[in-house]
Amino acid sequence: MNQQTLKNTYSFEGRGLHTGKPVRAKLCPAPADTGVVFVRTDLGGARVPALASNVRSTRRSTQLAVGRAKVGTVEHVLSALTGLGVDNAIVELDNVEMPILDGSARLYAEAIAADGLLDQGVPRKWIELKKEIIVRNEKKGAWIKVTPAGEPGIELTIDFPSPVLGKQTVNMAMGDSYVKSIAPCRTFCFLHEIMPQLMLGLIKGGDVNNAIVIVDKPVSRCRMRRMARILKKDVPEVLKPGFLAEGGLRFADECARHKLLDLIGDIRLCGGMPGFRIEAYKAGHTLNTAAAREILKNL
C-alpha cells in the first residue's frame, strides 16, 4: 500500500476545550514521508512534529511542544487522520490549542472522507514491532499491550466505579468504518469533576455541546442552578443519574468508543501508521503516550 495525503485543504474554527481561546485550524496536504506536523502560524510557522518525544503534558488531553511552540488537544485530529489512513499532513493553527468542535473527530473525518485521499506513489512505512510491549499504571490497574500482528486492530476496555458508566469494551479492526463508528464519539467527564477542573484552569471551553457529562447521583436544585451557568445550558431543577449530552448519546457505548478514538490519536505519536495490535484496559492519555514512546524506542 502506498502513502496517502489529503486531496484538499480543510478549514475549521472554534475554541480550545481547555483554554477557551478562539482558534482557526487548517488540514493541508503534505509531501511523502512528512508524517503529521503541526504548524503554529501565529508563531512564525514554528513546527511541532507529531511524535511522542514532543509530548509536553497529558493532563486531560495531549499537548505537544517544541521550544515555546505548544499545541494542545491534538488527539482528535490525529485520530481522524490515522483512522482514515492519512500518512502525511500539515495541521496549521493560529493559537495554542486545536478547536474542540463538537467534542469528537466527526467534522474532521467527514470532511476528509467526502473527497477521498491522494495516492502518493511511495510505499507506506508501517510501524511494525518484533516483540510485545506492555506499559502499566500499577496504581490504577491500567495497562496497554502492543503486539506484532499481520493485521492492525484495537480492543479497549473502560472500567469506572460508576453506577451509570461502569465497564464497556469496544473493538476496531481493519476494514471497520472509522467515520461511522468511532469519529462521532464525544469526549466526556463526570459532573463532580467539573469544578475541580475549572479550579485547575481546564475545560474553559467545555459545555454540553462538546462533551458528555455523566451524572452519578441526584443533584440538588441549588447546585443545578450553578451548574447550568457553567454548562451554558438550561438543565432540570433536579438532575437524575444519567448522561447529559446534546441530542442524547450517539451510541450506547459512546464513552468507550471515545476512549478508543483518543487511543488511536495518541498512538499515532509513534511516528506512523500502526502495523500492530493493541489491547488496552483503563487507558488514558498518559498511558497512551507512554506506549507510543516505548514503540519509538523499539523500532
Protein backbone atom coordinates (compact mmCIF):
# COMPACT_ATOMS: atom_id res chain seq x y z
CA MET A 1 0.00 0.00 0.00
CA ASN A 2 1.22 3.50 -0.82
CA GLN A 3 1.39 6.59 1.36
CA GLN A 4 -1.59 8.93 1.16
CA THR A 5 -2.22 12.60 1.81
CA LEU A 6 -5.21 14.92 1.65
CA LYS A 7 -6.72 15.91 -1.69
CA ASN A 8 -7.73 19.36 -0.45
CA THR A 9 -7.23 21.84 2.38
CA TYR A 10 -9.88 21.84 5.12
CA SER A 11 -10.57 24.76 7.47
CA PHE A 12 -12.12 24.64 10.94
CA GLU A 13 -12.88 27.28 13.56
CA GLY A 14 -13.80 27.03 17.20
CA ARG A 15 -12.34 27.32 20.65
CA GLY A 16 -9.97 25.23 22.67
CA LEU A 17 -11.56 22.83 25.15
CA HIS A 18 -9.22 23.79 27.98
CA THR A 19 -8.07 27.32 27.11
CA GLY A 20 -11.44 28.50 25.76
CA LYS A 21 -9.45 30.58 23.23
CA PRO A 22 -10.68 31.03 19.65
CA VAL A 23 -8.63 29.20 17.05
CA ARG A 24 -8.59 28.66 13.30
CA ALA A 25 -7.10 25.44 12.01
CA LYS A 26 -6.33 24.04 8.56
CA LEU A 27 -5.57 20.49 7.47
CA CYS A 28 -3.30 20.62 4.44
CA PRO A 29 -1.70 18.10 2.05
CA ALA A 30 1.97 17.28 2.62
CA PRO A 31 4.74 15.55 0.63
CA ALA A 32 5.52 11.86 1.09
CA ASP A 33 7.49 10.97 4.23
CA THR A 34 6.41 14.17 6.03
CA GLY A 35 4.25 12.43 8.61
CA VAL A 36 1.95 14.73 10.55
CA VAL A 37 3.36 18.12 11.53
CA PHE A 38 1.59 20.90 13.44
CA VAL A 39 2.48 24.46 12.41
CA ARG A 40 1.81 27.48 14.65
CA THR A 41 1.09 30.22 12.11
CA ASP A 42 0.91 32.80 14.92
CA LEU A 43 4.49 31.94 15.91
CA GLY A 44 6.11 32.47 12.54
CA GLY A 45 5.43 28.96 11.28
CA ALA A 46 7.02 27.09 14.22
CA ARG A 47 6.79 23.35 13.51
CA VAL A 48 5.83 20.66 16.02
CA PRO A 49 6.08 17.11 14.61
CA ALA A 50 3.50 14.64 15.93
CA LEU A 51 5.95 12.46 17.86
CA ALA A 52 5.83 11.05 21.38
CA SER A 53 9.20 12.65 22.06
CA ASN A 54 7.45 16.04 21.81
CA VAL A 55 4.74 15.30 24.40
CA ARG A 56 4.72 18.12 26.98
CA SER A 57 1.57 17.34 29.01
CA THR A 58 -1.15 14.68 29.26
CA ARG A 59 -3.43 16.37 31.79
CA ARG A 60 -6.94 15.70 30.41
CA SER A 61 -5.61 15.93 26.82
CA THR A 62 -2.37 15.50 24.89
CA GLN A 63 -0.17 18.55 24.40
CA LEU A 64 2.93 18.66 22.20
CA ALA A 65 5.69 21.25 22.27
CA VAL A 66 8.95 22.16 20.58
CA GLY A 67 10.61 25.07 22.33
CA ARG A 68 7.97 27.70 23.08
CA ALA A 69 5.60 26.39 20.39
CA LYS A 70 2.85 24.35 22.06
CA VAL A 71 -0.11 22.57 20.50
CA GLY A 72 -2.84 21.26 22.79
CA THR A 73 -5.62 18.67 22.40
CA VAL A 74 -4.02 17.07 19.34
CA GLU A 75 -5.54 13.62 19.85
CA HIS A 76 -8.82 14.12 17.95
CA VAL A 77 -7.32 15.38 14.70
CA LEU A 78 -4.54 12.77 14.87
CA SER A 79 -7.19 10.11 15.38
CA ALA A 80 -9.13 11.27 12.33
CA LEU A 81 -6.02 11.32 10.13
CA THR A 82 -4.97 7.88 11.31
CA GLY A 83 -8.43 6.35 11.19
CA LEU A 84 -8.83 7.45 7.56
CA GLY A 85 -5.35 6.35 6.52
CA VAL A 86 -3.65 9.74 6.04
CA ASP A 87 0.13 9.27 6.20
CA ASN A 88 1.17 12.86 5.56
CA ALA A 89 -0.48 16.15 6.54
CA ILE A 90 0.32 19.64 7.77
CA VAL A 91 -2.01 20.92 10.51
CA GLU A 92 -1.89 24.71 10.79
CA LEU A 93 -3.37 26.60 13.73
CA ASP A 94 -3.20 30.18 14.97
CA ASN A 95 -3.41 29.56 18.73
CA VAL A 96 -2.19 27.18 21.40
CA GLU A 97 -4.94 24.54 21.21
CA MET A 98 -6.85 22.73 18.45
CA PRO A 99 -10.59 23.56 18.32
CA ILE A 100 -12.76 21.14 20.26
CA LEU A 101 -15.61 21.43 17.69
CA ASP A 102 -18.36 19.02 18.85
CA GLY A 103 -16.01 17.09 21.16
CA SER A 104 -15.33 14.31 18.66
CA ALA A 105 -13.39 13.75 15.42
CA ARG A 106 -16.57 13.72 13.30
CA LEU A 107 -16.15 17.02 11.45
CA TYR A 108 -12.53 16.28 10.54
CA ALA A 109 -13.32 12.74 9.38
CA GLU A 110 -16.42 13.60 7.36
CA ALA A 111 -14.69 16.43 5.52
CA ILE A 112 -11.71 14.26 4.55
CA ALA A 113 -13.78 11.18 3.69
CA ALA A 114 -16.04 13.15 1.34
CA ASP A 115 -13.11 13.83 -1.03
CA GLY A 116 -11.08 10.68 -0.57
CA LEU A 117 -7.28 10.64 -0.37
CA LEU A 118 -4.40 11.22 -2.78
CA ASP A 119 -2.15 8.23 -3.51
CA GLN A 120 1.45 9.49 -3.37
CA GLY A 121 3.06 6.59 -5.21
CA VAL A 122 5.52 5.86 -2.40
CA PRO A 123 5.22 2.68 -0.29
CA ARG A 124 3.74 3.18 3.17
CA LYS A 125 6.14 2.67 6.07
CA TRP A 126 4.10 0.71 8.57
CA ILE A 127 5.26 0.93 12.17
CA GLU A 128 5.92 -2.72 12.97
CA LEU A 129 7.29 -4.43 16.07
CA LYS A 130 9.44 -7.51 16.63
CA LYS A 131 8.35 -8.08 20.22
CA GLU A 132 5.46 -7.44 22.59
CA ILE A 133 5.39 -4.18 24.58
CA ILE A 134 3.41 -3.68 27.80
CA VAL A 135 3.09 -0.43 29.71
CA ARG A 136 1.28 -0.27 33.05
CA ASN A 137 -0.02 2.08 35.69
CA GLU A 138 0.03 -0.22 38.72
CA LYS A 139 -1.74 2.30 40.95
CA LYS A 140 -4.77 2.49 38.64
CA GLY A 141 -4.58 -1.11 37.48
CA ALA A 142 -4.35 0.17 33.90
CA TRP A 143 -2.31 -1.32 31.07
CA ILE A 144 -1.71 -1.28 27.31
CA LYS A 145 -0.30 -4.28 25.44
CA VAL A 146 1.08 -3.86 21.92
CA THR A 147 1.87 -6.99 19.93
CA PRO A 148 3.16 -7.74 16.41
CA ALA A 149 0.29 -8.67 14.11
CA GLY A 150 -0.43 -9.31 10.47
CA GLU A 151 -3.44 -7.02 10.61
CA PRO A 152 -3.72 -3.98 12.92
CA GLY A 153 -6.55 -3.95 15.44
CA ILE A 154 -7.59 -2.49 18.78
CA GLU A 155 -9.55 -3.76 21.76
CA LEU A 156 -10.19 -1.28 24.57
CA THR A 157 -11.99 -1.61 27.89
CA ILE A 158 -13.06 1.19 30.22
CA ASP A 159 -13.94 0.33 33.81
CA PHE A 160 -15.23 3.17 36.01
CA PRO A 161 -16.56 2.78 39.58
CA SER A 162 -19.77 4.41 38.42
CA PRO A 163 -23.35 3.07 38.55
CA VAL A 164 -24.02 4.96 35.32
CA LEU A 165 -20.95 4.27 33.17
CA GLY A 166 -19.23 1.18 34.60
CA LYS A 167 -17.43 -1.27 32.29
CA GLN A 168 -17.55 -1.28 28.47
CA THR A 169 -15.41 -2.99 25.82
CA VAL A 170 -15.07 -1.93 22.17
CA ASN A 171 -13.12 -3.27 19.19
CA MET A 172 -11.89 -1.91 15.88
CA ALA A 173 -10.30 -3.96 13.10
CA MET A 174 -9.01 -3.25 9.60
CA GLY A 175 -11.98 -2.56 7.33
CA ASP A 176 -14.24 -1.22 10.09
CA SER A 177 -15.74 2.20 9.33
CA TYR A 178 -13.90 4.74 11.46
CA VAL A 179 -16.06 7.56 10.08
CA LYS A 180 -19.34 5.95 11.14
CA SER A 181 -18.45 4.07 14.31
CA ILE A 182 -15.61 5.96 16.06
CA ALA A 183 -15.26 9.52 14.75
CA PRO A 184 -18.67 10.76 16.06
CA CYS A 185 -17.96 9.78 19.67
CA ARG A 186 -17.56 12.73 22.03
CA THR A 187 -15.31 13.41 24.98
CA PHE A 188 -16.85 13.02 28.44
CA CYS A 189 -16.41 13.85 32.10
CA PHE A 190 -18.24 13.30 35.37
CA LEU A 191 -20.28 16.12 36.88
CA HIS A 192 -18.25 16.00 40.10
CA GLU A 193 -15.04 16.61 38.08
CA ILE A 194 -16.16 19.90 36.55
CA MET A 195 -15.45 22.27 39.43
CA PRO A 196 -12.01 20.76 40.26
CA GLN A 197 -11.01 21.01 36.59
CA LEU A 198 -12.13 24.63 36.40
CA MET A 199 -10.06 25.33 39.51
CA LEU A 200 -7.04 23.89 37.66
CA GLY A 201 -7.65 26.24 34.74
CA LEU A 202 -9.02 23.49 32.47
CA ILE A 203 -12.21 22.99 30.37
CA LYS A 204 -12.79 26.74 29.94
CA GLY A 205 -14.26 25.98 26.52
CA GLY A 206 -16.31 22.97 27.60
CA ASP A 207 -20.10 22.65 27.70
CA VAL A 208 -22.76 20.06 26.85
CA ASN A 209 -22.49 20.97 23.16
CA ASN A 210 -18.99 19.48 23.01
CA ALA A 211 -18.91 16.94 25.85
CA ILE A 212 -20.97 14.28 27.58
CA VAL A 213 -21.47 14.97 31.28
CA ILE A 214 -22.09 11.88 33.42
CA VAL A 215 -24.26 12.34 36.50
CA ASP A 216 -23.70 9.59 39.10
CA LYS A 217 -26.24 10.68 41.70
CA PRO A 218 -29.18 13.11 42.01
CA VAL A 219 -28.14 16.76 42.18
CA SER A 220 -29.97 19.38 44.24
CA ARG A 221 -31.83 22.37 42.78
CA CYS A 222 -29.32 24.87 44.21
CA ARG A 223 -26.32 23.10 42.73
CA MET A 224 -28.04 22.62 39.38
CA ARG A 225 -28.62 26.35 39.03
CA ARG A 226 -24.90 26.89 39.46
CA MET A 227 -24.04 24.05 37.07
CA ALA A 228 -26.44 25.43 34.45
CA ARG A 229 -24.37 28.62 34.33
CA ILE A 230 -21.15 26.63 33.94
CA LEU A 231 -22.55 24.26 31.30
CA LYS A 232 -24.15 27.18 29.42
CA LYS A 233 -27.43 25.29 29.07
CA ASP A 234 -30.80 25.03 30.78
CA VAL A 235 -30.97 21.86 32.85
CA PRO A 236 -33.69 20.33 35.06
CA GLU A 237 -34.02 21.77 38.55
CA VAL A 238 -33.25 18.34 39.97
CA LEU A 239 -30.95 16.20 37.83
CA LYS A 240 -31.27 12.43 37.96
CA PRO A 241 -28.37 10.00 37.35
CA GLY A 242 -27.60 9.52 33.67
CA PHE A 243 -25.95 11.23 30.71
CA LEU A 244 -26.25 14.95 29.99
CA ALA A 245 -25.45 15.37 26.29
CA GLU A 246 -26.76 17.43 23.39
CA GLY A 247 -29.12 15.17 21.44
CA GLY A 248 -28.52 12.24 23.77
CA LEU A 249 -25.90 9.51 23.34
CA ARG A 250 -24.87 8.69 19.78
CA PHE A 251 -24.03 5.10 20.81
CA ALA A 252 -24.84 3.17 23.98
CA ASP A 253 -21.08 2.75 24.47
CA GLU A 254 -20.09 6.19 23.18
CA CYS A 255 -17.74 6.84 26.11
CA ALA A 256 -15.72 3.67 25.45
CA ARG A 257 -15.64 4.47 21.74
CA HIS A 258 -14.31 7.94 22.51
CA LYS A 259 -11.50 6.43 24.59
CA LEU A 260 -10.66 4.27 21.58
CA LEU A 261 -10.70 7.42 19.42
CA ASP A 262 -8.21 9.03 21.82
CA LEU A 263 -6.00 5.94 21.82
CA ILE A 264 -5.81 5.91 18.01
CA GLY A 265 -4.74 9.57 18.05
CA ASP A 266 -2.19 9.20 20.83
CA ILE A 267 -0.64 6.03 19.39
CA ARG A 268 -0.07 7.88 16.10
CA LEU A 269 2.68 9.67 18.03
CA CYS A 270 4.80 6.56 17.43
CA GLY A 271 5.62 8.24 14.11
CA GLY A 272 3.49 6.49 11.51
CA MET A 273 0.66 4.11 10.71
CA PRO A 274 0.31 1.39 13.38
CA GLY A 275 1.08 -2.06 11.99
CA PHE A 276 0.38 -3.92 15.23
CA ARG A 277 -2.40 -5.00 17.58
CA ILE A 278 -3.33 -3.03 20.71
CA GLU A 279 -5.17 -4.20 23.80
CA ALA A 280 -5.92 -1.57 26.44
CA TYR A 281 -7.56 -1.55 29.87
CA LYS A 282 -8.47 1.73 31.61
CA ALA A 283 -6.17 3.62 29.25
CA GLY A 284 -5.80 7.41 29.16
CA HIS A 285 -3.53 9.99 27.57
CA THR A 286 -0.61 9.40 29.94
CA LEU A 287 -0.58 5.66 29.34
CA ASN A 288 -1.31 6.03 25.62
CA THR A 289 1.64 8.35 25.04
CA ALA A 290 3.89 6.18 27.21
CA ALA A 291 3.06 3.28 24.90
CA ALA A 292 3.86 5.44 21.86
CA ARG A 293 7.25 6.32 23.38
CA GLU A 294 8.04 2.66 24.02
CA ILE A 295 7.14 1.81 20.42
CA LEU A 296 9.52 4.52 19.19
CA LYS A 297 12.29 3.09 21.37
CA ASN A 298 11.76 -0.42 20.00
CA LEU A 299 11.63 0.36 16.30
